[in-house]
Amino acid sequence: MASTKRDARENRKRIAIMEAKRGLRERQARRRKRDNVAAAVAIVAVVVLAVILQLTVFSHNPTADQTATAEAGLDASASPSAATSATPSAGPSAGATATAPGTNTANIPPASTADGKTFTGELSLNGSPLGIQIDGTAAPQAAAVFKSLADESFFNGLTCHRLTNADTFGVLQCGSKTGDGSGDPSYQWGPVENSPADGKYPAGSIAVARGSSTYSNGTQFFIVYKDTVLPQTDGGYTIMGKVTSGLDVVQKIADAGITGGTTDGAPVTPVTIDSFTLQ
């Protein structure tokens, strides 16, 4: 009889131990499930954040694009917009608030002053000259603006604040009055002229940086030192001319690299515009 009672107690004890182990396993399984769900949520969050960052950084900034936006694209409202420079959307941007569609600010010279004319001259960077040509037939409004600015010595002493060196996005962006890629809201104009339909900007091209609208061109421009592709979905950028000699000067600046080792930012070698002349 005593043995039967002991056996019963032992059975109850074994059952209790089994129940306890089963409960522990169930709790561990639920915890693993929660951990797996949390990990999956974290992974999804990281992927979503990466996509958002990619779309944000590259949707407007060569302003690289292209971009951040400054007069280049090459956004002129922020920055050739990863960036504080002007840049094509996803390329050069110029950082200023865009004027109303289809309007120029009052101090913009009329396109008629340059229509049909070709201007040649020199752009000197850090004491090294580049021969340049501005085409008033293909881009009369841009030619009128930059001839006027050159005649006023506007660019003398300004800097080239942005450099890109991605595989298909190589530009040097210059002409920000503040030196940080910001555009001047009191000096904006349009339209975009002579923009390549295929988005291909050949090495040697000189193009105008702008902000978010086709009437947000300003004083910033970018020099394409290697064949570059920029988004054209919002109108692209005006190719106003070309470098006729000395493009290797820009290549040497590019070879020196970009601050922080990125592909879009301030050049390691500070670049000053000594002069910009057109005849």
C-alpha atoms as a PDB file:
ATOM      1  CA  MET A   1       0.000   0.000   0.000  1.00  0.00           C
ATOM      2  CA  ALA A   2       2.835   2.333   0.989  1.00  0.00           C
ATOM      3  CA  SER A   3       4.583   1.447  -2.232  1.00  0.00           C
ATOM      4  CA  THR A   4       1.479   2.367  -4.215  1.00  0.00           C
ATOM      5  CA  LYS A   5       1.320   5.784  -2.557  1.00  0.00           C
ATOM      6  CA  ARG A   6       4.993   6.389  -3.270  1.00  0.00           C
ATOM      7  CA  ASP A   7       4.498   5.423  -6.883  1.00  0.00           C
ATOM      8  CA  ALA A   8       1.559   7.797  -7.135  1.00  0.00           C
ATOM      9  CA  ARG A   9       3.629  10.641  -5.697  1.00  0.00           C
ATOM     10  CA  GLU A  10       6.483   9.854  -8.046  1.00  0.00           C
ATOM     11  CA  ASN A  11       4.083   9.819 -10.991  1.00  0.00           C
ATOM     12  CA  ARG A  12       2.632  13.169  -9.962  1.00  0.00           C
ATOM     13  CA  LYS A  13       6.150  14.559  -9.586  1.00  0.00           C
ATOM     14  CA  ARG A  14       7.176  13.288 -13.006  1.00  0.00           C
ATOM     15  CA  ILE A  15       4.014  14.741 -14.515  1.00  0.00           C
ATOM     16  CA  ALA A  16       4.679  18.085 -12.817  1.00  0.00           C
ATOM     17  CA  ILE A  17       8.260  18.106 -14.149  1.00  0.00           C
ATOM     18  CA  MET A  18       7.040  17.240 -17.648  1.00  0.00           C
ATOM     19  CA  GLU A  19       4.416  19.997 -17.497  1.00  0.00           C
ATOM     20  CA  ALA A  20       7.046  22.478 -16.322  1.00  0.00           C
ATOM     21  CA  LYS A  21       9.399  21.516 -19.149  1.00  0.00           C
ATOM     22  CA  ARG A  22       6.593  21.706 -21.677  1.00  0.00           C
ATOM     23  CA  GLY A  23       5.647  25.182 -20.398  1.00  0.00           C
ATOM     24  CA  LEU A  24       9.292  26.266 -20.642  1.00  0.00           C
ATOM     25  CA  ARG A  25       9.515  24.993 -24.214  1.00  0.00           C
ATOM     26  CA  GLU A  26       6.325  26.811 -25.151  1.00  0.00           C
ATOM     27  CA  ARG A  27       7.585  30.068 -23.622  1.00  0.00           C
ATOM     28  CA  GLN A  28      10.914  29.680 -25.432  1.00  0.00           C
ATOM     29  CA  ALA A  29       9.087  29.033 -28.700  1.00  0.00           C
ATOM     30  CA  ARG A  30       6.937  32.143 -28.234  1.00  0.00           C
ATOM     31  CA  ARG A  31      10.018  34.183 -27.380  1.00  0.00           C
ATOM     32  CA  ARG A  32      11.843  32.923 -30.478  1.00  0.00           C
ATOM     33  CA  LYS A  33       8.802  33.808 -32.567  1.00  0.00           C
ATOM     34  CA  ARG A  34       8.711  37.316 -31.106  1.00  0.00           C
ATOM     35  CA  ASP A  35      12.453  37.719 -31.722  1.00  0.00           C
ATOM     36  CA  ASN A  36      12.069  36.554 -35.318  1.00  0.00           C
ATOM     37  CA  VAL A  37       9.191  38.967 -35.892  1.00  0.00           C
ATOM     38  CA  ALA A  38      11.189  41.829 -34.350  1.00  0.00           C
ATOM     39  CA  ALA A  39      14.199  40.969 -36.521  1.00  0.00           C
ATOM     40  CA  ALA A  40      12.032  40.855 -39.642  1.00  0.00           C
ATOM     41  CA  VAL A  41      10.485  44.226 -38.790  1.00  0.00           C
ATOM     42  CA  ALA A  42      13.954  45.708 -38.227  1.00  0.00           C
ATOM     43  CA  ILE A  43      15.189  44.376 -41.576  1.00  0.00           C
ATOM     44  CA  VAL A  44      12.150  45.779 -43.384  1.00  0.00           C
ATOM     45  CA  ALA A  45      12.677  49.139 -41.659  1.00  0.00           C
ATOM     46  CA  VAL A  46      16.331  49.238 -42.738  1.00  0.00           C
ATOM     47  CA  VAL A  47      15.405  48.384 -46.341  1.00  0.00           C
ATOM     48  CA  VAL A  48      12.662  51.030 -46.414  1.00  0.00           C
ATOM     49  CA  LEU A  49      15.020  53.630 -44.937  1.00  0.00           C
ATOM     50  CA  ALA A  50      17.689  52.764 -47.509  1.00  0.00           C
ATOM     51  CA  VAL A  51      15.194  53.147 -50.351  1.00  0.00           C
ATOM     52  CA  ILE A  52      13.960  56.476 -48.970  1.00  0.00           C
ATOM     53  CA  LEU A  53      17.515  57.769 -48.597  1.00  0.00           C
ATOM     54  CA  GLN A  54      18.393  56.676 -52.116  1.00  0.00           C
ATOM     55  CA  LEU A  55      15.353  58.360 -53.572  1.00  0.00           C
ATOM     56  CA  THR A  56      15.962  61.492 -51.513  1.00  0.00           C
ATOM     57  CA  VAL A  57      19.658  61.825 -52.218  1.00  0.00           C
ATOM     58  CA  PHE A  58      19.603  60.960 -55.886  1.00  0.00           C
ATOM     59  CA  SER A  59      16.246  62.244 -57.011  1.00  0.00           C
ATOM     60  CA  HIS A  60      17.611  65.789 -57.525  1.00  0.00           C
ATOM     61  CA  ASN A  61      21.390  66.163 -57.392  1.00  0.00           C
ATOM     62  CA  PRO A  62      24.389  66.264 -61.706  1.00  0.00           C
ATOM     63  CA  THR A  63      22.070  69.411 -58.216  1.00  0.00           C
ATOM     64  CA  ALA A  64      24.304  63.844 -58.493  1.00  0.00           C
ATOM     65  CA  ASP A  65      22.308  64.540 -58.933  1.00  0.00           C
ATOM     66  CA  GLN A  66      23.087  64.380 -59.256  1.00  0.00           C
ATOM     67  CA  THR A  67      22.443  66.589 -55.969  1.00  0.00           C
ATOM     68  CA  ALA A  68      20.535  68.391 -51.843  1.00  0.00           C
ATOM     69  CA  THR A  69      19.936  71.100 -54.324  1.00  0.00           C
ATOM     70  CA  ALA A  70      21.851  74.147 -55.318  1.00  0.00           C
ATOM     71  CA  GLU A  71      22.114  75.847 -58.660  1.00  0.00           C
ATOM     72  CA  ALA A  72      23.496  73.088 -60.676  1.00  0.00           C
ATOM     73  CA  GLY A  73      21.978  69.523 -61.225  1.00  0.00           C
ATOM     74  CA  LEU A  74      22.898  70.642 -61.197  1.00  0.00           C
ATOM     75  CA  ASP A  75      20.474  72.192 -59.124  1.00  0.00           C
ATOM     76  CA  ALA A  76      20.623  75.809 -58.500  1.00  0.00           C
ATOM     77  CA  SER A  77      18.471  75.641 -55.492  1.00  0.00           C
ATOM     78  CA  ALA A  78      20.561  73.302 -53.594  1.00  0.00           C
ATOM     79  CA  SER A  79      23.123  71.491 -56.042  1.00  0.00           C
ATOM     80  CA  PRO A  80      25.689  69.395 -59.973  1.00  0.00           C
ATOM     81  CA  SER A  81      22.043  69.211 -56.231  1.00  0.00           C
ATOM     82  CA  ALA A  82      24.182  65.078 -53.466  1.00  0.00           C
ATOM     83  CA  ALA A  83      25.072  68.532 -51.943  1.00  0.00           C
ATOM     84  CA  THR A  84      25.248  72.174 -51.207  1.00  0.00           C
ATOM     85  CA  SER A  85      25.774  73.083 -54.802  1.00  0.00           C
ATOM     86  CA  ALA A  86      23.585  73.621 -57.754  1.00  0.00           C
ATOM     87  CA  THR A  87      22.915  70.346 -59.463  1.00  0.00           C
ATOM     88  CA  PRO A  88      20.931  68.696 -62.233  1.00  0.00           C
ATOM     89  CA  SER A  89      18.117  66.904 -60.567  1.00  0.00           C
ATOM     90  CA  ALA A  90      20.180  64.075 -59.599  1.00  0.00           C
ATOM     91  CA  GLY A  91      22.739  66.170 -61.042  1.00  0.00           C
ATOM     92  CA  PRO A  92      23.433  69.970 -60.877  1.00  0.00           C
ATOM     93  CA  SER A  93      21.299  72.125 -58.620  1.00  0.00           C
ATOM     94  CA  ALA A  94      21.364  75.713 -57.502  1.00  0.00           C
ATOM     95  CA  GLY A  95      19.608  76.130 -54.215  1.00  0.00           C
ATOM     96  CA  ALA A  96      17.378  79.112 -54.747  1.00  0.00           C
ATOM     97  CA  THR A  97      13.623  79.395 -54.621  1.00  0.00           C
ATOM     98  CA  ALA A  98      12.309  78.994 -58.150  1.00  0.00           C
ATOM     99  CA  THR A  99      10.612  81.879 -59.889  1.00  0.00           C
ATOM    100  CA  ALA A 100       7.084  81.474 -61.185  1.00  0.00           C
ATOM    101  CA  PRO A 101       6.919  79.285 -64.307  1.00  0.00           C
ATOM    102  CA  GLY A 102       7.699  81.237 -67.434  1.00  0.00           C
ATOM    103  CA  THR A 103       9.023  84.402 -65.787  1.00  0.00           C
ATOM    104  CA  ASN A 104      12.442  85.992 -65.374  1.00  0.00           C
ATOM    105  CA  THR A 105      13.475  88.410 -62.662  1.00  0.00           C
ATOM    106  CA  ALA A 106      13.652  92.017 -63.819  1.00  0.00           C
ATOM    107  CA  ASN A 107      17.446  92.247 -64.116  1.00  0.00           C
ATOM    108  CA  ILE A 108      17.928  89.466 -66.694  1.00  0.00           C
ATOM    109  CA  PRO A 109      19.347  90.611 -70.079  1.00  0.00           C
ATOM    110  CA  PRO A 110      17.142  89.751 -73.067  1.00  0.00           C
ATOM    111  CA  ALA A 111      18.017  86.742 -75.211  1.00  0.00           C
ATOM    112  CA  SER A 112      18.061  89.002 -78.282  1.00  0.00           C
ATOM    113  CA  THR A 113      21.406  90.492 -77.197  1.00  0.00           C
ATOM    114  CA  ALA A 114      23.103  87.151 -77.848  1.00  0.00           C
ATOM    115  CA  ASP A 115      20.858  85.432 -80.388  1.00  0.00           C
ATOM    116  CA  GLY A 116      22.868  84.101 -83.317  1.00  0.00           C
ATOM    117  CA  LYS A 117      26.215  85.146 -81.817  1.00  0.00           C
ATOM    118  CA  THR A 118      29.178  83.061 -80.732  1.00  0.00           C
ATOM    119  CA  PHE A 119      31.325  84.280 -77.830  1.00  0.00           C
ATOM    120  CA  THR A 120      34.826  83.025 -77.169  1.00  0.00           C
ATOM    121  CA  GLY A 121      36.976  83.664 -74.156  1.00  0.00           C
ATOM    122  CA  GLU A 122      38.837  82.249 -71.215  1.00  0.00           C
ATOM    123  CA  LEU A 123      37.982  80.837 -67.811  1.00  0.00           C
ATOM    124  CA  SER A 124      40.927  80.840 -65.416  1.00  0.00           C
ATOM    125  CA  LEU A 125      40.852  78.419 -62.468  1.00  0.00           C
ATOM    126  CA  ASN A 126      43.634  78.593 -59.875  1.00  0.00           C
ATOM    127  CA  GLY A 127      45.822  80.381 -62.409  1.00  0.00           C
ATOM    128  CA  SER A 128      45.273  77.794 -65.166  1.00  0.00           C
ATOM    129  CA  PRO A 129      43.344  78.888 -68.292  1.00  0.00           C
ATOM    130  CA  LEU A 130      40.564  77.052 -70.102  1.00  0.00           C
ATOM    131  CA  GLY A 131      39.515  78.210 -73.557  1.00  0.00           C
ATOM    132  CA  ILE A 132      35.726  78.459 -73.772  1.00  0.00           C
ATOM    133  CA  GLN A 133      33.043  79.089 -76.375  1.00  0.00           C
ATOM    134  CA  ILE A 134      29.441  80.121 -75.678  1.00  0.00           C
ATOM    135  CA  ASP A 135      26.823  79.449 -78.366  1.00  0.00           C
ATOM    136  CA  GLY A 136      24.176  82.176 -78.680  1.00  0.00           C
ATOM    137  CA  THR A 137      22.438  80.305 -81.493  1.00  0.00           C
ATOM    138  CA  ALA A 138      21.753  77.141 -79.501  1.00  0.00           C
ATOM    139  CA  ALA A 139      21.239  78.895 -76.152  1.00  0.00           C
ATOM    140  CA  PRO A 140      20.591  82.637 -76.673  1.00  0.00           C
ATOM    141  CA  GLN A 141      19.166  83.354 -73.210  1.00  0.00           C
ATOM    142  CA  ALA A 142      22.000  81.576 -71.421  1.00  0.00           C
ATOM    143  CA  ALA A 143      24.569  83.254 -73.660  1.00  0.00           C
ATOM    144  CA  ALA A 144      23.061  86.670 -72.932  1.00  0.00           C
ATOM    145  CA  VAL A 145      23.148  86.064 -69.188  1.00  0.00           C
ATOM    146  CA  PHE A 146      26.703  84.761 -69.004  1.00  0.00           C
ATOM    147  CA  LYS A 147      28.074  87.389 -71.384  1.00  0.00           C
ATOM    148  CA  SER A 148      26.518  90.048 -69.155  1.00  0.00           C
ATOM    149  CA  LEU A 149      27.907  88.481 -65.970  1.00  0.00           C
ATOM    150  CA  ALA A 150      31.352  88.067 -67.521  1.00  0.00           C
ATOM    151  CA  ASP A 151      31.385  91.720 -68.642  1.00  0.00           C
ATOM    152  CA  GLU A 152      30.601  92.732 -65.041  1.00  0.00           C
ATOM    153  CA  SER A 153      33.476  90.547 -63.728  1.00  0.00           C
ATOM    154  CA  PHE A 154      30.846  88.842 -61.586  1.00  0.00           C
ATOM    155  CA  PHE A 155      32.718  85.531 -61.398  1.00  0.00           C
ATOM    156  CA  ASN A 156      36.127  86.909 -60.452  1.00  0.00           C
ATOM    157  CA  GLY A 157      37.061  85.557 -57.022  1.00  0.00           C
ATOM    158  CA  LEU A 158      34.140  83.129 -56.765  1.00  0.00           C
ATOM    159  CA  THR A 159      34.724  79.429 -56.267  1.00  0.00           C
ATOM    160  CA  CYS A 160      33.884  76.037 -57.703  1.00  0.00           C
ATOM    161  CA  HIS A 161      32.193  74.444 -54.737  1.00  0.00           C
ATOM    162  CA  ARG A 162      31.115  71.061 -56.068  1.00  0.00           C
ATOM    163  CA  LEU A 163      32.821  68.148 -57.742  1.00  0.00           C
ATOM    164  CA  THR A 164      31.383  64.773 -58.731  1.00  0.00           C
ATOM    165  CA  ASN A 165      33.286  61.713 -59.880  1.00  0.00           C
ATOM    166  CA  ALA A 166      30.760  58.904 -60.232  1.00  0.00           C
ATOM    167  CA  ASP A 167      31.116  56.562 -63.212  1.00  0.00           C
ATOM    168  CA  THR A 168      28.722  58.523 -65.434  1.00  0.00           C
ATOM    169  CA  PHE A 169      28.571  61.828 -63.548  1.00  0.00           C
ATOM    170  CA  GLY A 170      31.729  63.915 -63.695  1.00  0.00           C
ATOM    171  CA  VAL A 171      31.248  67.663 -63.306  1.00  0.00           C
ATOM    172  CA  LEU A 172      32.792  70.661 -61.590  1.00  0.00           C
ATOM    173  CA  GLN A 173      30.180  73.202 -60.496  1.00  0.00           C
ATOM    174  CA  CYS A 174      30.984  76.867 -60.042  1.00  0.00           C
ATOM    175  CA  GLY A 175      29.503  80.349 -59.771  1.00  0.00           C
ATOM    176  CA  SER A 176      27.620  80.384 -56.466  1.00  0.00           C
ATOM    177  CA  LYS A 177      27.683  83.930 -55.135  1.00  0.00           C
ATOM    178  CA  THR A 178      27.893  82.668 -51.564  1.00  0.00           C
ATOM    179  CA  GLY A 179      30.340  79.881 -52.358  1.00  0.00           C
ATOM    180  CA  ASP A 180      28.168  77.175 -50.804  1.00  0.00           C
ATOM    181  CA  GLY A 181      25.936  76.320 -53.743  1.00  0.00           C
ATOM    182  CA  SER A 182      23.072  78.578 -52.748  1.00  0.00           C
ATOM    183  CA  GLY A 183      21.246  80.299 -55.565  1.00  0.00           C
ATOM    184  CA  ASP A 184      20.205  83.945 -55.688  1.00  0.00           C
ATOM    185  CA  PRO A 185      16.382  84.246 -55.680  1.00  0.00           C
ATOM    186  CA  SER A 186      16.678  87.794 -57.026  1.00  0.00           C
ATOM    187  CA  TYR A 187      18.478  86.567 -60.144  1.00  0.00           C
ATOM    188  CA  GLN A 188      16.632  83.701 -61.842  1.00  0.00           C
ATOM    189  CA  TRP A 189      15.687  83.031 -65.401  1.00  0.00           C
ATOM    190  CA  GLY A 190      14.700  80.498 -68.050  1.00  0.00           C
ATOM    191  CA  PRO A 191      13.895  78.629 -70.099  1.00  0.00           C
ATOM    192  CA  VAL A 192      16.070  75.536 -70.429  1.00  0.00           C
ATOM    193  CA  GLU A 193      17.712  75.591 -73.864  1.00  0.00           C
ATOM    194  CA  ASN A 194      19.679  73.083 -75.902  1.00  0.00           C
ATOM    195  CA  SER A 195      19.095  70.235 -73.436  1.00  0.00           C
ATOM    196  CA  PRO A 196      20.041  66.815 -74.885  1.00  0.00           C
ATOM    197  CA  ALA A 197      16.986  64.612 -75.262  1.00  0.00           C
ATOM    198  CA  ASP A 198      18.984  61.498 -74.364  1.00  0.00           C
ATOM    199  CA  GLY A 199      20.416  63.086 -71.200  1.00  0.00           C
ATOM    200  CA  LYS A 200      23.989  62.653 -72.382  1.00  0.00           C
ATOM    201  CA  TYR A 201      26.295  65.599 -71.686  1.00  0.00           C
ATOM    202  CA  PRO A 202      29.599  65.108 -73.523  1.00  0.00           C
ATOM    203  CA  ALA A 203      32.925  65.822 -71.852  1.00  0.00           C
ATOM    204  CA  GLY A 204      33.808  69.477 -72.375  1.00  0.00           C
ATOM    205  CA  SER A 205      30.210  70.723 -72.193  1.00  0.00           C
ATOM    206  CA  ILE A 206      29.497  73.890 -70.208  1.00  0.00           C
ATOM    207  CA  ALA A 207      25.957  73.802 -68.841  1.00  0.00           C
ATOM    208  CA  VAL A 208      23.768  75.905 -66.560  1.00  0.00           C
ATOM    209  CA  ALA A 209      22.868  74.676 -63.087  1.00  0.00           C
ATOM    210  CA  ARG A 210      19.352  75.298 -61.862  1.00  0.00           C
ATOM    211  CA  GLY A 211      16.763  74.575 -59.204  1.00  0.00           C
ATOM    212  CA  SER A 212      13.483  72.707 -59.393  1.00  0.00           C
ATOM    213  CA  SER A 213      11.853  74.588 -62.257  1.00  0.00           C
ATOM    214  CA  THR A 214      12.978  75.413 -65.780  1.00  0.00           C
ATOM    215  CA  TYR A 215      12.924  79.081 -64.790  1.00  0.00           C
ATOM    216  CA  SER A 216      15.302  78.707 -61.842  1.00  0.00           C
ATOM    217  CA  ASN A 217      18.582  79.093 -63.729  1.00  0.00           C
ATOM    218  CA  GLY A 218      20.911  81.557 -62.057  1.00  0.00           C
ATOM    219  CA  THR A 219      24.628  82.300 -62.025  1.00  0.00           C
ATOM    220  CA  GLN A 220      25.916  78.771 -61.456  1.00  0.00           C
ATOM    221  CA  PHE A 221      27.308  76.590 -64.198  1.00  0.00           C
ATOM    222  CA  PHE A 222      29.035  73.246 -64.423  1.00  0.00           C
ATOM    223  CA  ILE A 223      31.875  71.954 -66.561  1.00  0.00           C
ATOM    224  CA  VAL A 224      31.518  68.345 -67.685  1.00  0.00           C
ATOM    225  CA  TYR A 225      34.989  66.799 -67.571  1.00  0.00           C
ATOM    226  CA  LYS A 226      33.903  63.284 -68.573  1.00  0.00           C
ATOM    227  CA  ASP A 227      30.873  61.992 -70.449  1.00  0.00           C
ATOM    228  CA  THR A 228      27.937  62.393 -68.063  1.00  0.00           C
ATOM    229  CA  VAL A 229      24.336  61.222 -68.002  1.00  0.00           C
ATOM    230  CA  LEU A 230      21.731  63.387 -66.233  1.00  0.00           C
ATOM    231  CA  PRO A 231      17.977  62.887 -65.772  1.00  0.00           C
ATOM    232  CA  GLN A 232      15.848  64.754 -68.290  1.00  0.00           C
ATOM    233  CA  THR A 233      12.428  64.083 -66.758  1.00  0.00           C
ATOM    234  CA  ASP A 234      12.132  67.680 -65.531  1.00  0.00           C
ATOM    235  CA  GLY A 235      13.654  69.395 -68.556  1.00  0.00           C
ATOM    236  CA  GLY A 236      17.354  68.769 -68.122  1.00  0.00           C
ATOM    237  CA  TYR A 237      20.008  71.480 -68.208  1.00  0.00           C
ATOM    238  CA  THR A 238      21.006  74.069 -70.766  1.00  0.00           C
ATOM    239  CA  ILE A 239      24.228  73.297 -72.620  1.00  0.00           C
ATOM    240  CA  MET A 240      25.398  76.816 -73.428  1.00  0.00           C
ATOM    241  CA  GLY A 241      28.867  76.110 -74.728  1.00  0.00           C
ATOM    242  CA  LYS A 242      32.022  74.052 -74.497  1.00  0.00           C
ATOM    243  CA  VAL A 243      35.613  73.999 -73.341  1.00  0.00           C
ATOM    244  CA  THR A 244      37.876  74.383 -76.365  1.00  0.00           C
ATOM    245  CA  SER A 245      41.178  73.898 -74.540  1.00  0.00           C
ATOM    246  CA  GLY A 246      42.481  73.131 -71.069  1.00  0.00           C
ATOM    247  CA  LEU A 247      39.931  70.521 -69.975  1.00  0.00           C
ATOM    248  CA  ASP A 248      42.850  68.688 -68.368  1.00  0.00           C
ATOM    249  CA  VAL A 249      42.871  71.468 -65.745  1.00  0.00           C
ATOM    250  CA  VAL A 250      39.503  70.237 -64.498  1.00  0.00           C
ATOM    251  CA  GLN A 251      40.605  66.617 -64.764  1.00  0.00           C
ATOM    252  CA  LYS A 252      43.553  67.334 -62.459  1.00  0.00           C
ATOM    253  CA  ILE A 253      41.187  68.904 -59.939  1.00  0.00           C
ATOM    254  CA  ALA A 254      39.011  65.796 -60.164  1.00  0.00           C
ATOM    255  CA  ASP A 255      42.015  63.491 -59.796  1.00  0.00           C
ATOM    256  CA  ALA A 256      42.892  65.163 -56.491  1.00  0.00           C
ATOM    257  CA  GLY A 257      39.613  63.868 -55.097  1.00  0.00           C
ATOM    258  CA  ILE A 258      36.594  64.990 -53.127  1.00  0.00           C
ATOM    259  CA  THR A 259      36.550  65.948 -49.467  1.00  0.00           C
ATOM    260  CA  GLY A 260      35.576  62.993 -47.320  1.00  0.00           C
ATOM    261  CA  GLY A 261      36.295  60.511 -50.092  1.00  0.00           C
ATOM    262  CA  THR A 262      32.739  60.695 -51.435  1.00  0.00           C
ATOM    263  CA  THR A 263      31.633  60.907 -55.077  1.00  0.00           C
ATOM    264  CA  ASP A 264      29.861  64.266 -54.751  1.00  0.00           C
ATOM    265  CA  GLY A 265      31.067  67.158 -52.626  1.00  0.00           C
ATOM    266  CA  ALA A 266      33.667  69.872 -52.242  1.00  0.00           C
ATOM    267  CA  PRO A 267      36.889  69.269 -54.177  1.00  0.00           C
ATOM    268  CA  VAL A 268      39.943  68.485 -52.062  1.00  0.00           C
ATOM    269  CA  THR A 269      41.782  71.153 -54.038  1.00  0.00           C
ATOM    270  CA  PRO A 270      40.059  74.521 -53.384  1.00  0.00           C
ATOM    271  CA  VAL A 271      39.135  76.072 -56.730  1.00  0.00           C
ATOM    272  CA  THR A 272      38.943  79.842 -57.297  1.00  0.00           C
ATOM    273  CA  ILE A 273      37.803  81.547 -60.481  1.00  0.00           C
ATOM    274  CA  ASP A 274      40.491  84.112 -61.316  1.00  0.00           C
ATOM    275  CA  SER A 275      38.588  85.445 -64.295  1.00  0.00           C
ATOM    276  CA  PHE A 276      35.825  84.661 -66.798  1.00  0.00           C
ATOM    277  CA  THR A 277      35.995  86.649 -70.017  1.00  0.00           C
ATOM    278  CA  LEU A 278      33.947  86.531 -73.210  1.00  0.00           C
ATOM    279  CA  GLN A 279      34.321  88.468 -76.459  1.00  0.00           C
END
